[in-house]
Amino acid sequence: MKWMLLVFLVQNPLLPVETGMIFDSLDECLKAEDTMRGDYAHAYNDWLTWAKTHQAEADYPTSDDFMKKRMGIETWGTCIPHAAAPTN
């Protein structure tokens, strides 16, 4: 069975996004989701470090909630079964 990574963007309403990323195992798919979340957290933490030292320029802390959404901190993913096309 193949698995596809499905990402949910936290908007209003919640938006599912098909990534088209297909994996041979559930474990590979879950690792990709974990990597995605780690990348989002790294980007947000880099911004947060900058924002705390440049508060006026970053409009911090007012902009914090917006940036969490923009950088995907509230985004999450799941793996769903995918019917791969048969190979000849």
PDB file of N, CA and C in Angstrom:
ATOM      1  N   MET A   1       0.832  -1.172   0.000  1.00  0.00           N
ATOM      2  CA  MET A   1       0.000   0.000   0.000  1.00  0.00           C
ATOM      3  C   MET A   1       0.882   1.243   0.000  1.00  0.00           C
ATOM      4  N   LYS A   2       0.478   2.241  -0.738  1.00  0.00           N
ATOM      5  CA  LYS A   2       1.176   3.529  -0.781  1.00  0.00           C
ATOM      6  C   LYS A   2       0.489   4.486   0.192  1.00  0.00           C
ATOM      7  N   TRP A   3       1.211   5.513   0.595  1.00  0.00           N
ATOM      8  CA  TRP A   3       0.698   6.512   1.523  1.00  0.00           C
ATOM      9  C   TRP A   3       0.977   7.907   0.976  1.00  0.00           C
ATOM     10  N   MET A   4       0.010   8.812   1.127  1.00  0.00           N
ATOM     11  CA  MET A   4       0.173  10.189   0.662  1.00  0.00           C
ATOM     12  C   MET A   4       0.119  11.137   1.858  1.00  0.00           C
ATOM     13  N   LEU A   5       1.025  12.111   1.852  1.00  0.00           N
ATOM     14  CA  LEU A   5       1.039  13.127   2.894  1.00  0.00           C
ATOM     15  C   LEU A   5      -0.022  14.173   2.571  1.00  0.00           C
ATOM     16  N   LEU A   6      -0.931  14.372   3.502  1.00  0.00           N
ATOM     17  CA  LEU A   6      -1.982  15.379   3.398  1.00  0.00           C
ATOM     18  C   LEU A   6      -1.707  16.416   4.475  1.00  0.00           C
ATOM     19  N   VAL A   7      -1.675  17.688   4.089  1.00  0.00           N
ATOM     20  CA  VAL A   7      -1.356  18.772   5.017  1.00  0.00           C
ATOM     21  C   VAL A   7      -2.615  19.596   5.269  1.00  0.00           C
ATOM     22  N   PHE A   8      -2.797  19.994   6.509  1.00  0.00           N
ATOM     23  CA  PHE A   8      -3.934  20.833   6.884  1.00  0.00           C
ATOM     24  C   PHE A   8      -3.425  22.213   7.265  1.00  0.00           C
ATOM     25  N   LEU A   9      -3.866  23.221   6.525  1.00  0.00           N
ATOM     26  CA  LEU A   9      -3.521  24.605   6.837  1.00  0.00           C
ATOM     27  C   LEU A   9      -4.552  25.135   7.814  1.00  0.00           C
ATOM     28  N   VAL A  10      -4.076  25.699   8.899  1.00  0.00           N
ATOM     29  CA  VAL A  10      -4.993  26.230   9.905  1.00  0.00           C
ATOM     30  C   VAL A  10      -5.395  27.631   9.478  1.00  0.00           C
ATOM     31  N   GLN A  11      -6.541  27.686   8.861  1.00  0.00           N
ATOM     32  CA  GLN A  11      -7.146  28.937   8.419  1.00  0.00           C
ATOM     33  C   GLN A  11      -8.537  28.968   9.034  1.00  0.00           C
ATOM     34  N   ASN A  12      -9.418  29.695   8.451  1.00  0.00           N
ATOM     35  CA  ASN A  12     -10.821  29.632   8.851  1.00  0.00           C
ATOM     36  C   ASN A  12     -11.632  29.490   7.590  1.00  0.00           C
ATOM     37  N   PRO A  13     -11.992  28.309   7.172  1.00  0.00           N
ATOM     38  CA  PRO A  13     -11.947  27.024   7.866  1.00  0.00           C
ATOM     39  C   PRO A  13     -10.628  26.300   7.639  1.00  0.00           C
ATOM     40  N   LEU A  14     -10.498  25.133   8.258  1.00  0.00           N
ATOM     41  CA  LEU A  14      -9.335  24.275   8.084  1.00  0.00           C
ATOM     42  C   LEU A  14      -9.269  23.823   6.628  1.00  0.00           C
ATOM     43  N   LEU A  15      -8.100  23.969   5.994  1.00  0.00           N
ATOM     44  CA  LEU A  15      -7.959  23.648   4.580  1.00  0.00           C
ATOM     45  C   LEU A  15      -7.033  22.453   4.370  1.00  0.00           C
ATOM     46  N   PRO A  16      -7.566  21.316   3.871  1.00  0.00           N
ATOM     47  CA  PRO A  16      -6.685  20.196   3.540  1.00  0.00           C
ATOM     48  C   PRO A  16      -6.011  20.438   2.196  1.00  0.00           C
ATOM     49  N   VAL A  17      -4.733  20.096   2.104  1.00  0.00           N
ATOM     50  CA  VAL A  17      -3.967  20.294   0.876  1.00  0.00           C
ATOM     51  C   VAL A  17      -3.280  18.984   0.519  1.00  0.00           C
ATOM     52  N   GLU A  18      -3.598  18.457  -0.665  1.00  0.00           N
ATOM     53  CA  GLU A  18      -2.896  17.266  -1.141  1.00  0.00           C
ATOM     54  C   GLU A  18      -1.498  17.687  -1.580  1.00  0.00           C
ATOM     55  N   THR A  19      -0.497  16.995  -1.084  1.00  0.00           N
ATOM     56  CA  THR A  19       0.873  17.354  -1.436  1.00  0.00           C
ATOM     57  C   THR A  19       1.341  16.635  -2.698  1.00  0.00           C
ATOM     58  N   GLY A  20       0.697  15.524  -3.022  1.00  0.00           N
ATOM     59  CA  GLY A  20       1.163  14.709  -4.139  1.00  0.00           C
ATOM     60  C   GLY A  20       2.398  13.894  -3.775  1.00  0.00           C
ATOM     61  N   MET A  21       2.802  13.958  -2.508  1.00  0.00           N
ATOM     62  CA  MET A  21       3.977  13.210  -2.051  1.00  0.00           C
ATOM     63  C   MET A  21       3.517  11.815  -1.651  1.00  0.00           C
ATOM     64  N   ILE A  22       3.968  10.819  -2.408  1.00  0.00           N
ATOM     65  CA  ILE A  22       3.567   9.433  -2.203  1.00  0.00           C
ATOM     66  C   ILE A  22       4.742   8.645  -1.631  1.00  0.00           C
ATOM     67  N   PHE A  23       4.461   7.818  -0.636  1.00  0.00           N
ATOM     68  CA  PHE A  23       5.495   7.045   0.041  1.00  0.00           C
ATOM     69  C   PHE A  23       5.148   5.560   0.012  1.00  0.00           C
ATOM     70  N   ASP A  24       6.177   4.727   0.035  1.00  0.00           N
ATOM     71  CA  ASP A  24       5.984   3.283   0.005  1.00  0.00           C
ATOM     72  C   ASP A  24       5.548   2.716   1.344  1.00  0.00           C
ATOM     73  N   SER A  25       5.832   3.432   2.418  1.00  0.00           N
ATOM     74  CA  SER A  25       5.449   2.931   3.737  1.00  0.00           C
ATOM     75  C   SER A  25       4.895   4.067   4.592  1.00  0.00           C
ATOM     76  N   LEU A  26       4.097   3.685   5.564  1.00  0.00           N
ATOM     77  CA  LEU A  26       3.545   4.666   6.493  1.00  0.00           C
ATOM     78  C   LEU A  26       4.669   5.336   7.278  1.00  0.00           C
ATOM     79  N   ASP A  27       5.672   4.582   7.649  1.00  0.00           N
ATOM     80  CA  ASP A  27       6.795   5.127   8.396  1.00  0.00           C
ATOM     81  C   ASP A  27       7.505   6.239   7.622  1.00  0.00           C
ATOM     82  N   GLU A  28       7.739   6.026   6.325  1.00  0.00           N
ATOM     83  CA  GLU A  28       8.384   7.058   5.491  1.00  0.00           C
ATOM     84  C   GLU A  28       7.520   8.315   5.431  1.00  0.00           C
ATOM     85  N   CYS A  29       6.221   8.123   5.304  1.00  0.00           N
ATOM     86  CA  CYS A  29       5.296   9.260   5.222  1.00  0.00           C
ATOM     87  C   CYS A  29       5.302  10.058   6.527  1.00  0.00           C
ATOM     88  N   LEU A  30       5.245   9.361   7.654  1.00  0.00           N
ATOM     89  CA  LEU A  30       5.247  10.033   8.951  1.00  0.00           C
ATOM     90  C   LEU A  30       6.566  10.764   9.198  1.00  0.00           C
ATOM     91  N   LYS A  31       7.671  10.202   8.727  1.00  0.00           N
ATOM     92  CA  LYS A  31       8.964  10.875   8.855  1.00  0.00           C
ATOM     93  C   LYS A  31       8.984  12.173   8.040  1.00  0.00           C
ATOM     94  N   ALA A  32       8.362  12.147   6.865  1.00  0.00           N
ATOM     95  CA  ALA A  32       8.291  13.351   6.030  1.00  0.00           C
ATOM     96  C   ALA A  32       7.465  14.431   6.725  1.00  0.00           C
ATOM     97  N   GLU A  33       6.372  14.034   7.370  1.00  0.00           N
ATOM     98  CA  GLU A  33       5.545  14.998   8.097  1.00  0.00           C
ATOM     99  C   GLU A  33       6.340  15.595   9.250  1.00  0.00           C
ATOM    100  N   ASP A  34       7.080  14.768   9.945  1.00  0.00           N
ATOM    101  CA  ASP A  34       7.906  15.228  11.057  1.00  0.00           C
ATOM    102  C   ASP A  34       8.975  16.207  10.567  1.00  0.00           C
ATOM    103  N   THR A  35       9.589  15.898   9.431  1.00  0.00           N
ATOM    104  CA  THR A  35      10.594  16.794   8.837  1.00  0.00           C
ATOM    105  C   THR A  35       9.966  18.133   8.464  1.00  0.00           C
ATOM    106  N   MET A  36       8.769  18.083   7.873  1.00  0.00           N
ATOM    107  CA  MET A  36       8.056  19.308   7.499  1.00  0.00           C
ATOM    108  C   MET A  36       7.821  20.182   8.730  1.00  0.00           C
ATOM    109  N   ARG A  37       7.338  19.578   9.803  1.00  0.00           N
ATOM    110  CA  ARG A  37       7.066  20.340  11.023  1.00  0.00           C
ATOM    111  C   ARG A  37       8.366  20.915  11.597  1.00  0.00           C
ATOM    112  N   GLY A  38       9.442  20.154  11.529  1.00  0.00           N
ATOM    113  CA  GLY A  38      10.734  20.651  12.010  1.00  0.00           C
ATOM    114  C   GLY A  38      11.228  21.835  11.211  1.00  0.00           C
ATOM    115  N   ASP A  39      11.042  21.779   9.882  1.00  0.00           N
ATOM    116  CA  ASP A  39      11.442  22.902   9.027  1.00  0.00           C
ATOM    117  C   ASP A  39      10.635  24.154   9.346  1.00  0.00           C
ATOM    118  N   TYR A  40       9.329  23.981   9.556  1.00  0.00           N
ATOM    119  CA  TYR A  40       8.477  25.124   9.912  1.00  0.00           C
ATOM    120  C   TYR A  40       8.911  25.716  11.250  1.00  0.00           C
ATOM    121  N   ALA A  41       9.187  24.862  12.224  1.00  0.00           N
ATOM    122  CA  ALA A  41       9.604  25.337  13.546  1.00  0.00           C
ATOM    123  C   ALA A  41      10.936  26.069  13.463  1.00  0.00           C
ATOM    124  N   HIS A  42      11.865  25.551  12.661  1.00  0.00           N
ATOM    125  CA  HIS A  42      13.173  26.203  12.497  1.00  0.00           C
ATOM    126  C   HIS A  42      13.001  27.602  11.902  1.00  0.00           C
ATOM    127  N   ALA A  43      12.182  27.724  10.870  1.00  0.00           N
ATOM    128  CA  ALA A  43      11.949  29.032  10.239  1.00  0.00           C
ATOM    129  C   ALA A  43      11.308  30.005  11.225  1.00  0.00           C
ATOM    130  N   TYR A  44      10.326  29.529  11.967  1.00  0.00           N
ATOM    131  CA  TYR A  44       9.666  30.399  12.952  1.00  0.00           C
ATOM    132  C   TYR A  44      10.645  30.827  14.044  1.00  0.00           C
ATOM    133  N   ASN A  45      11.432  29.904  14.558  1.00  0.00           N
ATOM    134  CA  ASN A  45      12.380  30.239  15.625  1.00  0.00           C
ATOM    135  C   ASN A  45      13.437  31.231  15.155  1.00  0.00           C
ATOM    136  N   ASP A  46      13.871  31.107  13.901  1.00  0.00           N
ATOM    137  CA  ASP A  46      14.805  32.093  13.346  1.00  0.00           C
ATOM    138  C   ASP A  46      14.161  33.471  13.312  1.00  0.00           C
ATOM    139  N   TRP A  47      12.899  33.525  12.850  1.00  0.00           N
ATOM    140  CA  TRP A  47      12.190  34.809  12.816  1.00  0.00           C
ATOM    141  C   TRP A  47      12.021  35.347  14.234  1.00  0.00           C
ATOM    142  N   LEU A  48      11.628  34.481  15.175  1.00  0.00           N
ATOM    143  CA  LEU A  48      11.374  34.911  16.550  1.00  0.00           C
ATOM    144  C   LEU A  48      12.623  35.516  17.182  1.00  0.00           C
ATOM    145  N   THR A  49      13.767  34.906  16.958  1.00  0.00           N
ATOM    146  CA  THR A  49      15.020  35.449  17.481  1.00  0.00           C
ATOM    147  C   THR A  49      15.268  36.843  16.921  1.00  0.00           C
ATOM    148  N   TRP A  50      15.074  36.986  15.607  1.00  0.00           N
ATOM    149  CA  TRP A  50      15.243  38.295  14.978  1.00  0.00           C
ATOM    150  C   TRP A  50      14.219  39.294  15.513  1.00  0.00           C
ATOM    151  N   ALA A  51      12.956  38.872  15.617  1.00  0.00           N
ATOM    152  CA  ALA A  51      11.875  39.774  16.035  1.00  0.00           C
ATOM    153  C   ALA A  51      12.078  40.290  17.455  1.00  0.00           C
ATOM    154  N   LYS A  52      12.584  39.450  18.317  1.00  0.00           N
ATOM    155  CA  LYS A  52      12.797  39.876  19.703  1.00  0.00           C
ATOM    156  C   LYS A  52      13.903  40.915  19.818  1.00  0.00           C
ATOM    157  N   THR A  53      14.841  40.906  18.885  1.00  0.00           N
ATOM    158  CA  THR A  53      15.916  41.908  18.918  1.00  0.00           C
ATOM    159  C   THR A  53      15.597  43.126  18.055  1.00  0.00           C
ATOM    160  N   HIS A  54      14.562  43.043  17.225  1.00  0.00           N
ATOM    161  CA  HIS A  54      14.133  44.153  16.365  1.00  0.00           C
ATOM    162  C   HIS A  54      12.625  44.359  16.522  1.00  0.00           C
ATOM    163  N   GLN A  55      12.188  44.573  17.762  1.00  0.00           N
ATOM    164  CA  GLN A  55      10.762  44.583  18.062  1.00  0.00           C
ATOM    165  C   GLN A  55       9.967  45.627  17.280  1.00  0.00           C
ATOM    166  N   ALA A  56      10.485  46.797  17.129  1.00  0.00           N
ATOM    167  CA  ALA A  56       9.754  47.840  16.409  1.00  0.00           C
ATOM    168  C   ALA A  56       9.619  47.479  14.929  1.00  0.00           C
ATOM    169  N   GLU A  57      10.700  47.025  14.339  1.00  0.00           N
ATOM    170  CA  GLU A  57      10.695  46.656  12.925  1.00  0.00           C
ATOM    171  C   GLU A  57       9.799  45.446  12.656  1.00  0.00           C
ATOM    172  N   ALA A  58       9.787  44.498  13.578  1.00  0.00           N
ATOM    173  CA  ALA A  58       8.999  43.269  13.412  1.00  0.00           C
ATOM    174  C   ALA A  58       7.571  43.415  13.917  1.00  0.00           C
ATOM    175  N   ASP A  59       7.286  44.532  14.582  1.00  0.00           N
ATOM    176  CA  ASP A  59       5.983  44.738  15.221  1.00  0.00           C
ATOM    177  C   ASP A  59       5.700  43.598  16.200  1.00  0.00           C
ATOM    178  N   TYR A  60       6.759  43.207  16.901  1.00  0.00           N
ATOM    179  CA  TYR A  60       6.662  42.124  17.871  1.00  0.00           C
ATOM    180  C   TYR A  60       6.312  42.699  19.227  1.00  0.00           C
ATOM    181  N   PRO A  61       5.439  42.125  19.998  1.00  0.00           N
ATOM    182  CA  PRO A  61       4.827  40.809  19.892  1.00  0.00           C
ATOM    183  C   PRO A  61       3.492  40.775  19.132  1.00  0.00           C
ATOM    184  N   THR A  62       3.028  41.908  18.655  1.00  0.00           N
ATOM    185  CA  THR A  62       1.740  41.944  17.951  1.00  0.00           C
ATOM    186  C   THR A  62       1.703  41.000  16.749  1.00  0.00           C
ATOM    187  N   SER A  63       2.795  40.905  16.023  1.00  0.00           N
ATOM    188  CA  SER A  63       2.834  40.095  14.802  1.00  0.00           C
ATOM    189  C   SER A  63       3.036  38.600  15.052  1.00  0.00           C
ATOM    190  N   ASP A  64       3.220  38.201  16.296  1.00  0.00           N
ATOM    191  CA  ASP A  64       3.563  36.814  16.592  1.00  0.00           C
ATOM    192  C   ASP A  64       2.501  35.819  16.118  1.00  0.00           C
ATOM    193  N   ASP A  65       1.234  36.062  16.412  1.00  0.00           N
ATOM    194  CA  ASP A  65       0.175  35.133  15.981  1.00  0.00           C
ATOM    195  C   ASP A  65       0.121  35.015  14.461  1.00  0.00           C
ATOM    196  N   PHE A  66       0.234  36.143  13.768  1.00  0.00           N
ATOM    197  CA  PHE A  66       0.238  36.131  12.304  1.00  0.00           C
ATOM    198  C   PHE A  66       1.403  35.304  11.767  1.00  0.00           C
ATOM    199  N   MET A  67       2.583  35.491  12.338  1.00  0.00           N
ATOM    200  CA  MET A  67       3.760  34.782  11.846  1.00  0.00           C
ATOM    201  C   MET A  67       3.682  33.284  12.144  1.00  0.00           C
ATOM    202  N   LYS A  68       3.075  32.895  13.250  1.00  0.00           N
ATOM    203  CA  LYS A  68       2.884  31.472  13.526  1.00  0.00           C
ATOM    204  C   LYS A  68       2.073  30.826  12.407  1.00  0.00           C
ATOM    205  N   LYS A  69       1.020  31.500  11.978  1.00  0.00           N
ATOM    206  CA  LYS A  69       0.201  30.967  10.886  1.00  0.00           C
ATOM    207  C   LYS A  69       0.954  31.024   9.563  1.00  0.00           C
ATOM    208  N   ARG A  70       1.623  32.124   9.316  1.00  0.00           N
ATOM    209  CA  ARG A  70       2.334  32.301   8.044  1.00  0.00           C
ATOM    210  C   ARG A  70       3.451  31.275   7.871  1.00  0.00           C
ATOM    211  N   MET A  71       4.145  30.955   8.943  1.00  0.00           N
ATOM    212  CA  MET A  71       5.275  30.034   8.857  1.00  0.00           C
ATOM    213  C   MET A  71       4.889  28.587   9.109  1.00  0.00           C
ATOM    214  N   GLY A  72       3.606  28.328   9.262  1.00  0.00           N
ATOM    215  CA  GLY A  72       3.141  26.953   9.349  1.00  0.00           C
ATOM    216  C   GLY A  72       3.221  26.299  10.703  1.00  0.00           C
ATOM    217  N   ILE A  73       3.430  27.072  11.754  1.00  0.00           N
ATOM    218  CA  ILE A  73       3.532  26.484  13.087  1.00  0.00           C
ATOM    219  C   ILE A  73       2.242  25.766  13.446  1.00  0.00           C
ATOM    220  N   GLU A  74       1.113  26.290  13.014  1.00  0.00           N
ATOM    221  CA  GLU A  74      -0.167  25.666  13.314  1.00  0.00           C
ATOM    222  C   GLU A  74      -0.605  24.695  12.219  1.00  0.00           C
ATOM    223  N   THR A  75       0.228  24.491  11.220  1.00  0.00           N
ATOM    224  CA  THR A  75      -0.056  23.545  10.145  1.00  0.00           C
ATOM    225  C   THR A  75       0.329  22.147  10.609  1.00  0.00           C
ATOM    226  N   TRP A  76      -0.447  21.166  10.235  1.00  0.00           N
ATOM    227  CA  TRP A  76      -0.114  19.790  10.586  1.00  0.00           C
ATOM    228  C   TRP A  76      -0.454  18.880   9.426  1.00  0.00           C
ATOM    229  N   GLY A  77       0.085  17.703   9.447  1.00  0.00           N
ATOM    230  CA  GLY A  77      -0.126  16.759   8.367  1.00  0.00           C
ATOM    231  C   GLY A  77      -0.509  15.395   8.878  1.00  0.00           C
ATOM    232  N   THR A  78      -0.996  14.596   7.970  1.00  0.00           N
ATOM    233  CA  THR A  78      -1.307  13.209   8.271  1.00  0.00           C
ATOM    234  C   THR A  78      -1.066  12.388   7.017  1.00  0.00           C
ATOM    235  N   CYS A  79      -0.994  11.098   7.189  1.00  0.00           N
ATOM    236  CA  CYS A  79      -0.769  10.211   6.054  1.00  0.00           C
ATOM    237  C   CYS A  79      -2.039   9.413   5.795  1.00  0.00           C
ATOM    238  N   ILE A  80      -2.435   9.393   4.543  1.00  0.00           N
ATOM    239  CA  ILE A  80      -3.645   8.668   4.182  1.00  0.00           C
ATOM    240  C   ILE A  80      -3.298   7.603   3.139  1.00  0.00           C
ATOM    241  N   PRO A  81      -4.046   6.492   3.162  1.00  0.00           N
ATOM    242  CA  PRO A  81      -3.790   5.460   2.148  1.00  0.00           C
ATOM    243  C   PRO A  81      -4.002   6.021   0.755  1.00  0.00           C
ATOM    244  N   HIS A  82      -3.202   5.558  -0.193  1.00  0.00           N
ATOM    245  CA  HIS A  82      -3.279   6.050  -1.559  1.00  0.00           C
ATOM    246  C   HIS A  82      -3.249   4.855  -2.508  1.00  0.00           C
ATOM    247  N   ALA A  83      -4.194   4.836  -3.415  1.00  0.00           N
ATOM    248  CA  ALA A  83      -4.237   3.763  -4.406  1.00  0.00           C
ATOM    249  C   ALA A  83      -3.305   4.137  -5.551  1.00  0.00           C
ATOM    250  N   ALA A  84      -2.140   3.568  -5.542  1.00  0.00           N
ATOM    251  CA  ALA A  84      -1.161   3.849  -6.600  1.00  0.00           C
ATOM    252  C   ALA A  84      -1.607   3.178  -7.884  1.00  0.00           C
ATOM    253  N   ALA A  85      -1.278   3.810  -8.986  1.00  0.00           N
ATOM    254  CA  ALA A  85      -1.609   3.248 -10.304  1.00  0.00           C
ATOM    255  C   ALA A  85      -0.846   1.943 -10.501  1.00  0.00           C
ATOM    256  N   PRO A  86      -1.503   0.925 -11.041  1.00  0.00           N
ATOM    257  CA  PRO A  86      -0.805  -0.340 -11.239  1.00  0.00           C
ATOM    258  C   PRO A  86       0.336  -0.194 -12.251  1.00  0.00           C
ATOM    259  N   THR A  87       1.414  -0.919 -12.005  1.00  0.00           N
ATOM    260  CA  THR A  87       2.545  -0.893 -12.931  1.00  0.00           C
ATOM    261  C   THR A  87       2.453  -2.085 -13.867  1.00  0.00           C
ATOM    262  N   ASN A  88       2.881  -1.925 -15.099  1.00  0.00           N
ATOM    263  CA  ASN A  88       2.829  -3.015 -16.097  1.00  0.00           C
ATOM    264  C   ASN A  88       4.145  -3.732 -16.179  1.00  0.00           C
TER     265      ASN A  88
END
